[in-house]
Amino acid sequence: MYTLKKSLGQHFLKDENICRKIVDAVQAEHPGQLLEVGPGGGAITKYLIALDGVDFKAIEVDAEKVEYLSATYPVLQDKIIHESILDAAAPFSDTFHVVGNFPYNISTQILFKILDWKEQVPVITGMFQKEVALRIAAAPGSKIYGVTSVLMQAFYDVAYLFDVSEQSFNPPPKVKSGVIRLKRRETTEPMRSARAFTVLVKTAFNQRRKTLRNAARALFTEDILKEDIFTKRAEQLSVADFAQLSFKMK
């Protein structure tokens, strides 16, 4: 058996219907290589390892869970990476899909880590706190549209798949959950560089109540700041707007 560790934000999925729905969503994208992030007690792992033609690996920071999974599912020998996803190198040399019931306390950090691997990761299927899932999928003009929305949507199309009740977990979290799918965009908006784009987006949203002229003043010359777009607030700008503006940065 294994124990739950609150320090790692562990809430283990127990609803078999939800487990199968997640696995069906993964299988629909026909992964050749698949990484599960945070398998925990193996709720969806037991289904993933049964998928035909899939080279499967899992990454788990909790030594107790690594030991439990290895003992319970012998096929996982040498397929579990005992490390934090935030510190890990890409587990495959070419493309792979990612799936996970992501620990809610670091779910956004996990997405940004996967963003570093975007050339290798065409599809991400993940469970998040519902509020975070909606934020990732939010459109411009929404109060929840922010840094994560723009940075992920610059490279991935986001689809909200389904809700997950608190009662689907042990122990039940205090928040609802949601499963989303991110599929890498075939074409991305031209931008000065991913780094410049990221700096601009984070700076603009750091003072989201202010107009862009005030929030991002340090990044542009006074002449550029006179353009009409700078009278808008960050939440009013699309991914394309941010990408175009990145070329005008100092």
C-alpha atoms as a PDB file:
ATOM      1  CA  MET A   1       0.000   0.000   0.000  1.00  0.00           C
ATOM      2  CA  TYR A   2       0.972   3.653  -0.084  1.00  0.00           C
ATOM      3  CA  THR A   3       0.245   6.850   1.814  1.00  0.00           C
ATOM      4  CA  LEU A   4      -1.085  10.203   0.683  1.00  0.00           C
ATOM      5  CA  LYS A   5       1.323  13.090   0.991  1.00  0.00           C
ATOM      6  CA  LYS A   6      -0.330  16.486   1.369  1.00  0.00           C
ATOM      7  CA  SER A   7       3.058  18.147   0.902  1.00  0.00           C
ATOM      8  CA  LEU A   8       3.036  16.901  -2.707  1.00  0.00           C
ATOM      9  CA  GLY A   9      -0.545  17.995  -3.306  1.00  0.00           C
ATOM     10  CA  GLN A  10      -1.667  14.404  -3.758  1.00  0.00           C
ATOM     11  CA  HIS A  11      -5.328  13.678  -4.513  1.00  0.00           C
ATOM     12  CA  PHE A  12      -5.673  10.266  -6.102  1.00  0.00           C
ATOM     13  CA  LEU A  13      -8.279   9.572  -8.752  1.00  0.00           C
ATOM     14  CA  LYS A  14     -10.644   6.742  -7.780  1.00  0.00           C
ATOM     15  CA  ASP A  15     -13.481   7.130 -10.319  1.00  0.00           C
ATOM     16  CA  GLU A  16     -12.938   4.417 -12.935  1.00  0.00           C
ATOM     17  CA  ASN A  17     -15.284   6.104 -15.411  1.00  0.00           C
ATOM     18  CA  ILE A  18     -13.181   9.276 -15.318  1.00  0.00           C
ATOM     19  CA  CYS A  19      -9.993   7.213 -15.628  1.00  0.00           C
ATOM     20  CA  ARG A  20     -11.327   5.552 -18.761  1.00  0.00           C
ATOM     21  CA  LYS A  21     -12.508   8.885 -20.216  1.00  0.00           C
ATOM     22  CA  ILE A  22      -9.006  10.331 -19.820  1.00  0.00           C
ATOM     23  CA  VAL A  23      -7.428   7.254 -21.405  1.00  0.00           C
ATOM     24  CA  ASP A  24      -9.942   7.367 -24.272  1.00  0.00           C
ATOM     25  CA  ALA A  25      -9.016  11.024 -24.871  1.00  0.00           C
ATOM     26  CA  VAL A  26      -5.334  10.056 -24.971  1.00  0.00           C
ATOM     27  CA  GLN A  27      -5.900   7.067 -27.250  1.00  0.00           C
ATOM     28  CA  ALA A  28      -7.925   9.205 -29.681  1.00  0.00           C
ATOM     29  CA  GLU A  29      -4.725  11.087 -30.529  1.00  0.00           C
ATOM     30  CA  HIS A  30      -2.795   7.874 -31.355  1.00  0.00           C
ATOM     31  CA  PRO A  31       0.368   8.431 -29.312  1.00  0.00           C
ATOM     32  CA  GLY A  32       3.405   6.401 -30.328  1.00  0.00           C
ATOM     33  CA  GLN A  33       5.338   7.439 -27.228  1.00  0.00           C
ATOM     34  CA  LEU A  34       3.625   8.597 -24.052  1.00  0.00           C
ATOM     35  CA  LEU A  35       4.782  10.182 -20.802  1.00  0.00           C
ATOM     36  CA  GLU A  36       2.528  10.150 -17.751  1.00  0.00           C
ATOM     37  CA  VAL A  37       3.339  12.864 -15.233  1.00  0.00           C
ATOM     38  CA  GLY A  38       2.666  11.954 -11.596  1.00  0.00           C
ATOM     39  CA  PRO A  39       1.115   8.485 -11.883  1.00  0.00           C
ATOM     40  CA  GLY A  40       0.649   8.300  -8.096  1.00  0.00           C
ATOM     41  CA  GLY A  41      -1.209   5.092  -7.260  1.00  0.00           C
ATOM     42  CA  GLY A  42      -1.608   4.132 -10.917  1.00  0.00           C
ATOM     43  CA  ALA A  43      -5.304   4.996 -11.419  1.00  0.00           C
ATOM     44  CA  ILE A  44      -4.875   5.737 -15.121  1.00  0.00           C
ATOM     45  CA  THR A  45      -1.464   4.065 -15.453  1.00  0.00           C
ATOM     46  CA  LYS A  46      -3.048   0.608 -15.370  1.00  0.00           C
ATOM     47  CA  TYR A  47      -5.038   1.507 -18.489  1.00  0.00           C
ATOM     48  CA  LEU A  48      -2.219   3.353 -20.268  1.00  0.00           C
ATOM     49  CA  ILE A  49       0.206   0.427 -20.050  1.00  0.00           C
ATOM     50  CA  ALA A  50      -2.400  -1.747 -21.784  1.00  0.00           C
ATOM     51  CA  LEU A  51      -2.591   0.465 -24.888  1.00  0.00           C
ATOM     52  CA  ASP A  52      -1.348  -1.319 -28.006  1.00  0.00           C
ATOM     53  CA  GLY A  53       1.703   0.062 -29.792  1.00  0.00           C
ATOM     54  CA  VAL A  54       2.514   2.714 -27.184  1.00  0.00           C
ATOM     55  CA  ASP A  55       6.001   3.152 -25.732  1.00  0.00           C
ATOM     56  CA  PHE A  56       5.103   4.265 -22.206  1.00  0.00           C
ATOM     57  CA  LYS A  57       7.113   6.027 -19.503  1.00  0.00           C
ATOM     58  CA  ALA A  58       6.088   7.712 -16.273  1.00  0.00           C
ATOM     59  CA  ILE A  59       7.776  10.329 -14.122  1.00  0.00           C
ATOM     60  CA  GLU A  60       7.147  10.359 -10.369  1.00  0.00           C
ATOM     61  CA  VAL A  61       8.914  12.331  -7.627  1.00  0.00           C
ATOM     62  CA  ASP A  62       7.572  10.264  -4.707  1.00  0.00           C
ATOM     63  CA  ALA A  63       9.871   7.315  -3.960  1.00  0.00           C
ATOM     64  CA  GLU A  64       7.095   5.401  -2.195  1.00  0.00           C
ATOM     65  CA  LYS A  65       4.875   5.585  -5.272  1.00  0.00           C
ATOM     66  CA  VAL A  66       7.746   4.506  -7.546  1.00  0.00           C
ATOM     67  CA  GLU A  67       8.268   1.439  -5.364  1.00  0.00           C
ATOM     68  CA  TYR A  68       4.525   0.685  -5.238  1.00  0.00           C
ATOM     69  CA  LEU A  69       4.026   1.008  -8.996  1.00  0.00           C
ATOM     70  CA  SER A  70       7.092  -1.109  -9.803  1.00  0.00           C
ATOM     71  CA  ALA A  71       5.887  -3.868  -7.486  1.00  0.00           C
ATOM     72  CA  THR A  72       2.257  -3.741  -8.622  1.00  0.00           C
ATOM     73  CA  TYR A  73       2.902  -3.459 -12.364  1.00  0.00           C
ATOM     74  CA  PRO A  74       6.092  -5.378 -13.255  1.00  0.00           C
ATOM     75  CA  VAL A  75       5.858  -4.112 -16.842  1.00  0.00           C
ATOM     76  CA  LEU A  76       6.886  -0.705 -15.467  1.00  0.00           C
ATOM     77  CA  GLN A  77      10.359  -1.879 -14.518  1.00  0.00           C
ATOM     78  CA  ASP A  78      12.817   0.632 -16.049  1.00  0.00           C
ATOM     79  CA  LYS A  79       9.916   2.767 -17.314  1.00  0.00           C
ATOM     80  CA  ILE A  80       9.504   4.996 -14.253  1.00  0.00           C
ATOM     81  CA  ILE A  81      11.704   8.071 -13.952  1.00  0.00           C
ATOM     82  CA  HIS A  82      12.164   8.917 -10.282  1.00  0.00           C
ATOM     83  CA  GLU A  83      12.522  12.680 -10.535  1.00  0.00           C
ATOM     84  CA  SER A  84      10.540  15.896 -10.442  1.00  0.00           C
ATOM     85  CA  ILE A  85       9.109  16.785 -13.837  1.00  0.00           C
ATOM     86  CA  LEU A  86      10.380  20.321 -13.237  1.00  0.00           C
ATOM     87  CA  ASP A  87      13.993  19.076 -13.185  1.00  0.00           C
ATOM     88  CA  ALA A  88      13.743  16.362 -15.824  1.00  0.00           C
ATOM     89  CA  ALA A  89      15.195  16.142 -19.296  1.00  0.00           C
ATOM     90  CA  ALA A  90      12.919  15.092 -22.149  1.00  0.00           C
ATOM     91  CA  PRO A  91      12.313  11.339 -21.645  1.00  0.00           C
ATOM     92  CA  PHE A  92      12.298  10.474 -25.359  1.00  0.00           C
ATOM     93  CA  SER A  93      14.608  11.546 -28.181  1.00  0.00           C
ATOM     94  CA  ASP A  94      11.744  12.287 -30.583  1.00  0.00           C
ATOM     95  CA  THR A  95       8.044  13.159 -30.302  1.00  0.00           C
ATOM     96  CA  PHE A  96       5.883  12.045 -27.390  1.00  0.00           C
ATOM     97  CA  HIS A  97       2.489  12.856 -25.896  1.00  0.00           C
ATOM     98  CA  VAL A  98       2.006  13.894 -22.260  1.00  0.00           C
ATOM     99  CA  VAL A  99      -0.821  12.926 -19.914  1.00  0.00           C
ATOM    100  CA  GLY A 100      -1.329  13.525 -16.241  1.00  0.00           C
ATOM    101  CA  ASN A 101      -3.482  14.273 -13.253  1.00  0.00           C
ATOM    102  CA  PHE A 102      -1.146  17.168 -12.570  1.00  0.00           C
ATOM    103  CA  PRO A 103      -0.461  18.141  -8.928  1.00  0.00           C
ATOM    104  CA  TYR A 104      -2.493  21.317  -8.556  1.00  0.00           C
ATOM    105  CA  ASN A 105       0.160  23.184  -6.581  1.00  0.00           C
ATOM    106  CA  ILE A 106       2.621  23.078  -9.506  1.00  0.00           C
ATOM    107  CA  SER A 107       0.348  22.475 -12.508  1.00  0.00           C
ATOM    108  CA  THR A 108       1.161  25.783 -14.211  1.00  0.00           C
ATOM    109  CA  GLN A 109       4.891  25.213 -13.702  1.00  0.00           C
ATOM    110  CA  ILE A 110       4.502  21.779 -15.282  1.00  0.00           C
ATOM    111  CA  LEU A 111       2.870  23.323 -18.354  1.00  0.00           C
ATOM    112  CA  PHE A 112       5.678  25.846 -18.721  1.00  0.00           C
ATOM    113  CA  LYS A 113       8.189  22.985 -18.416  1.00  0.00           C
ATOM    114  CA  ILE A 114       6.410  21.086 -21.197  1.00  0.00           C
ATOM    115  CA  LEU A 115       6.429  24.305 -23.223  1.00  0.00           C
ATOM    116  CA  ASP A 116      10.234  23.996 -23.229  1.00  0.00           C
ATOM    117  CA  TRP A 117       9.705  20.638 -24.986  1.00  0.00           C
ATOM    118  CA  LYS A 118       7.046  21.919 -27.394  1.00  0.00           C
ATOM    119  CA  GLU A 119       8.943  20.803 -30.505  1.00  0.00           C
ATOM    120  CA  GLN A 120       8.684  17.235 -29.194  1.00  0.00           C
ATOM    121  CA  VAL A 121       5.203  17.330 -27.624  1.00  0.00           C
ATOM    122  CA  PRO A 122       2.274  17.557 -30.087  1.00  0.00           C
ATOM    123  CA  VAL A 123      -0.456  16.722 -27.547  1.00  0.00           C
ATOM    124  CA  ILE A 124      -0.995  17.236 -23.816  1.00  0.00           C
ATOM    125  CA  THR A 125      -4.005  15.736 -22.040  1.00  0.00           C
ATOM    126  CA  GLY A 126      -4.204  16.905 -18.464  1.00  0.00           C
ATOM    127  CA  MET A 127      -6.393  17.254 -15.415  1.00  0.00           C
ATOM    128  CA  PHE A 128      -6.175  20.556 -13.573  1.00  0.00           C
ATOM    129  CA  GLN A 129      -8.041  22.483 -10.945  1.00  0.00           C
ATOM    130  CA  LYS A 130     -11.089  23.643 -12.938  1.00  0.00           C
ATOM    131  CA  GLU A 131     -10.239  27.307 -12.429  1.00  0.00           C
ATOM    132  CA  VAL A 132      -6.779  26.733 -13.925  1.00  0.00           C
ATOM    133  CA  ALA A 133      -8.136  24.646 -16.803  1.00  0.00           C
ATOM    134  CA  LEU A 134     -10.596  27.414 -17.693  1.00  0.00           C
ATOM    135  CA  ARG A 135      -7.825  30.010 -17.452  1.00  0.00           C
ATOM    136  CA  ILE A 136      -5.629  28.071 -19.888  1.00  0.00           C
ATOM    137  CA  ALA A 137      -8.535  27.892 -22.351  1.00  0.00           C
ATOM    138  CA  ALA A 138      -9.778  31.476 -21.801  1.00  0.00           C
ATOM    139  CA  ALA A 139     -10.295  33.870 -24.708  1.00  0.00           C
ATOM    140  CA  PRO A 140      -9.158  37.517 -24.902  1.00  0.00           C
ATOM    141  CA  GLY A 141     -11.462  39.888 -23.049  1.00  0.00           C
ATOM    142  CA  SER A 142     -12.151  37.440 -20.242  1.00  0.00           C
ATOM    143  CA  LYS A 143     -11.239  38.334 -16.665  1.00  0.00           C
ATOM    144  CA  ILE A 144      -9.457  34.987 -16.334  1.00  0.00           C
ATOM    145  CA  TYR A 145      -7.448  35.414 -19.559  1.00  0.00           C
ATOM    146  CA  GLY A 146      -3.840  35.886 -18.504  1.00  0.00           C
ATOM    147  CA  VAL A 147      -0.199  34.878 -18.835  1.00  0.00           C
ATOM    148  CA  THR A 148      -0.861  31.130 -18.942  1.00  0.00           C
ATOM    149  CA  SER A 149      -3.640  31.587 -21.507  1.00  0.00           C
ATOM    150  CA  VAL A 150      -1.438  33.563 -23.892  1.00  0.00           C
ATOM    151  CA  LEU A 151       1.776  31.569 -23.515  1.00  0.00           C
ATOM    152  CA  MET A 152       0.066  28.209 -24.012  1.00  0.00           C
ATOM    153  CA  GLN A 153      -2.297  29.355 -26.776  1.00  0.00           C
ATOM    154  CA  ALA A 154       0.625  30.828 -28.714  1.00  0.00           C
ATOM    155  CA  PHE A 155       1.764  27.273 -29.393  1.00  0.00           C
ATOM    156  CA  TYR A 156      -1.224  25.025 -28.623  1.00  0.00           C
ATOM    157  CA  ASP A 157      -4.935  24.953 -29.402  1.00  0.00           C
ATOM    158  CA  VAL A 158      -6.809  24.292 -26.162  1.00  0.00           C
ATOM    159  CA  ALA A 159     -10.029  22.303 -25.810  1.00  0.00           C
ATOM    160  CA  TYR A 160     -11.896  21.908 -22.516  1.00  0.00           C
ATOM    161  CA  LEU A 161     -13.034  18.273 -22.476  1.00  0.00           C
ATOM    162  CA  PHE A 162     -15.026  17.610 -19.286  1.00  0.00           C
ATOM    163  CA  ASP A 163     -15.533  18.403 -15.604  1.00  0.00           C
ATOM    164  CA  VAL A 164     -14.433  16.099 -12.793  1.00  0.00           C
ATOM    165  CA  SER A 165     -16.262  16.085  -9.455  1.00  0.00           C
ATOM    166  CA  GLU A 166     -14.486  16.421  -6.107  1.00  0.00           C
ATOM    167  CA  GLN A 167     -15.928  13.025  -5.179  1.00  0.00           C
ATOM    168  CA  SER A 168     -13.872  11.354  -7.917  1.00  0.00           C
ATOM    169  CA  PHE A 169     -10.778  11.686  -5.703  1.00  0.00           C
ATOM    170  CA  ASN A 170      -9.359  10.372  -2.470  1.00  0.00           C
ATOM    171  CA  PRO A 171      -9.190  12.576  -0.507  1.00  0.00           C
ATOM    172  CA  PRO A 172     -11.711  14.904  -2.188  1.00  0.00           C
ATOM    173  CA  PRO A 173     -10.069  18.252  -3.003  1.00  0.00           C
ATOM    174  CA  LYS A 174     -11.856  21.464  -2.056  1.00  0.00           C
ATOM    175  CA  VAL A 175     -12.130  22.468  -5.705  1.00  0.00           C
ATOM    176  CA  LYS A 176     -13.627  21.066  -8.887  1.00  0.00           C
ATOM    177  CA  SER A 177     -11.364  19.737 -11.612  1.00  0.00           C
ATOM    178  CA  GLY A 178     -11.361  19.798 -15.386  1.00  0.00           C
ATOM    179  CA  VAL A 179      -9.632  17.847 -18.151  1.00  0.00           C
ATOM    180  CA  ILE A 180      -8.269  19.726 -21.156  1.00  0.00           C
ATOM    181  CA  ARG A 181      -6.446  18.779 -24.313  1.00  0.00           C
ATOM    182  CA  LEU A 182      -3.729  20.935 -25.841  1.00  0.00           C
ATOM    183  CA  LYS A 183      -2.784  20.214 -29.464  1.00  0.00           C
ATOM    184  CA  ARG A 184       0.238  21.921 -30.930  1.00  0.00           C
ATOM    185  CA  ARG A 185      -0.673  24.490 -33.548  1.00  0.00           C
ATOM    186  CA  GLU A 186       0.397  23.715 -37.103  1.00  0.00           C
ATOM    187  CA  THR A 187       1.362  27.346 -37.588  1.00  0.00           C
ATOM    188  CA  THR A 188       2.286  29.908 -34.954  1.00  0.00           C
ATOM    189  CA  GLU A 189       2.213  33.686 -35.067  1.00  0.00           C
ATOM    190  CA  PRO A 190       5.537  35.221 -36.138  1.00  0.00           C
ATOM    191  CA  MET A 191       7.273  36.738 -33.109  1.00  0.00           C
ATOM    192  CA  ARG A 192      10.619  38.350 -32.408  1.00  0.00           C
ATOM    193  CA  SER A 193      11.584  35.377 -30.234  1.00  0.00           C
ATOM    194  CA  ALA A 194       9.886  33.135 -27.715  1.00  0.00           C
ATOM    195  CA  ARG A 195      11.848  34.887 -24.984  1.00  0.00           C
ATOM    196  CA  ALA A 196      10.861  38.409 -26.075  1.00  0.00           C
ATOM    197  CA  PHE A 197       7.231  37.283 -26.422  1.00  0.00           C
ATOM    198  CA  THR A 198       7.268  35.790 -22.904  1.00  0.00           C
ATOM    199  CA  VAL A 199       8.816  38.913 -21.367  1.00  0.00           C
ATOM    200  CA  LEU A 200       6.206  41.105 -23.046  1.00  0.00           C
ATOM    201  CA  VAL A 201       3.256  38.965 -21.958  1.00  0.00           C
ATOM    202  CA  LYS A 202       4.429  38.651 -18.342  1.00  0.00           C
ATOM    203  CA  THR A 203       5.180  42.377 -18.126  1.00  0.00           C
ATOM    204  CA  ALA A 204       1.829  43.369 -19.612  1.00  0.00           C
ATOM    205  CA  PHE A 205      -0.173  41.189 -17.228  1.00  0.00           C
ATOM    206  CA  ASN A 206       1.917  42.054 -14.179  1.00  0.00           C
ATOM    207  CA  GLN A 207      -0.187  45.229 -13.896  1.00  0.00           C
ATOM    208  CA  ARG A 208      -3.257  44.031 -15.769  1.00  0.00           C
ATOM    209  CA  ARG A 209      -5.501  46.877 -14.558  1.00  0.00           C
ATOM    210  CA  LYS A 210      -3.281  49.420 -16.265  1.00  0.00           C
ATOM    211  CA  THR A 211      -3.149  50.199 -19.963  1.00  0.00           C
ATOM    212  CA  LEU A 212      -0.344  48.656 -21.920  1.00  0.00           C
ATOM    213  CA  ARG A 213       1.230  52.098 -22.215  1.00  0.00           C
ATOM    214  CA  ASN A 214       1.774  52.151 -18.458  1.00  0.00           C
ATOM    215  CA  ALA A 215       2.237  48.459 -17.728  1.00  0.00           C
ATOM    216  CA  ALA A 216       4.862  47.803 -20.445  1.00  0.00           C
ATOM    217  CA  ARG A 217       6.371  51.287 -20.822  1.00  0.00           C
ATOM    218  CA  ALA A 218       9.906  50.092 -20.094  1.00  0.00           C
ATOM    219  CA  LEU A 219       9.889  47.754 -23.114  1.00  0.00           C
ATOM    220  CA  PHE A 220       9.147  50.321 -25.836  1.00  0.00           C
ATOM    221  CA  THR A 221      10.356  53.702 -27.074  1.00  0.00           C
ATOM    222  CA  GLU A 222       8.159  56.765 -26.581  1.00  0.00           C
ATOM    223  CA  ASP A 223       7.332  56.896 -30.299  1.00  0.00           C
ATOM    224  CA  ILE A 224       6.005  53.340 -30.318  1.00  0.00           C
ATOM    225  CA  LEU A 225       4.011  53.969 -27.126  1.00  0.00           C
ATOM    226  CA  LYS A 226       1.918  56.564 -29.005  1.00  0.00           C
ATOM    227  CA  GLU A 227       0.272  53.838 -31.101  1.00  0.00           C
ATOM    228  CA  ASP A 228      -3.428  53.192 -30.376  1.00  0.00           C
ATOM    229  CA  ILE A 229      -2.927  49.613 -29.212  1.00  0.00           C
ATOM    230  CA  PHE A 230      -1.192  50.892 -26.077  1.00  0.00           C
ATOM    231  CA  THR A 231      -4.471  52.361 -24.815  1.00  0.00           C
ATOM    232  CA  LYS A 232      -5.711  48.777 -24.301  1.00  0.00           C
ATOM    233  CA  ARG A 233      -5.171  46.550 -21.288  1.00  0.00           C
ATOM    234  CA  ALA A 234      -3.336  43.232 -21.565  1.00  0.00           C
ATOM    235  CA  GLU A 235      -6.528  41.147 -21.361  1.00  0.00           C
ATOM    236  CA  GLN A 236      -7.820  42.847 -24.528  1.00  0.00           C
ATOM    237  CA  LEU A 237      -4.893  41.680 -26.669  1.00  0.00           C
ATOM    238  CA  SER A 238      -4.872  38.452 -28.655  1.00  0.00           C
ATOM    239  CA  VAL A 239      -1.905  36.129 -29.081  1.00  0.00           C
ATOM    240  CA  ALA A 240      -1.396  37.681 -32.520  1.00  0.00           C
ATOM    241  CA  ASP A 241      -1.378  41.197 -31.006  1.00  0.00           C
ATOM    242  CA  PHE A 242       1.323  40.253 -28.512  1.00  0.00           C
ATOM    243  CA  ALA A 243       3.348  38.477 -31.202  1.00  0.00           C
ATOM    244  CA  GLN A 244       3.258  41.524 -33.498  1.00  0.00           C
ATOM    245  CA  LEU A 245       4.155  43.884 -30.670  1.00  0.00           C
ATOM    246  CA  SER A 246       7.202  41.803 -29.801  1.00  0.00           C
ATOM    247  CA  PHE A 247       8.885  43.052 -32.981  1.00  0.00           C
ATOM    248  CA  LYS A 248       8.537  46.637 -31.739  1.00  0.00           C
ATOM    249  CA  MET A 249      10.254  46.101 -28.394  1.00  0.00           C
ATOM    250  CA  LYS A 250      13.476  47.942 -27.665  1.00  0.00           C
END
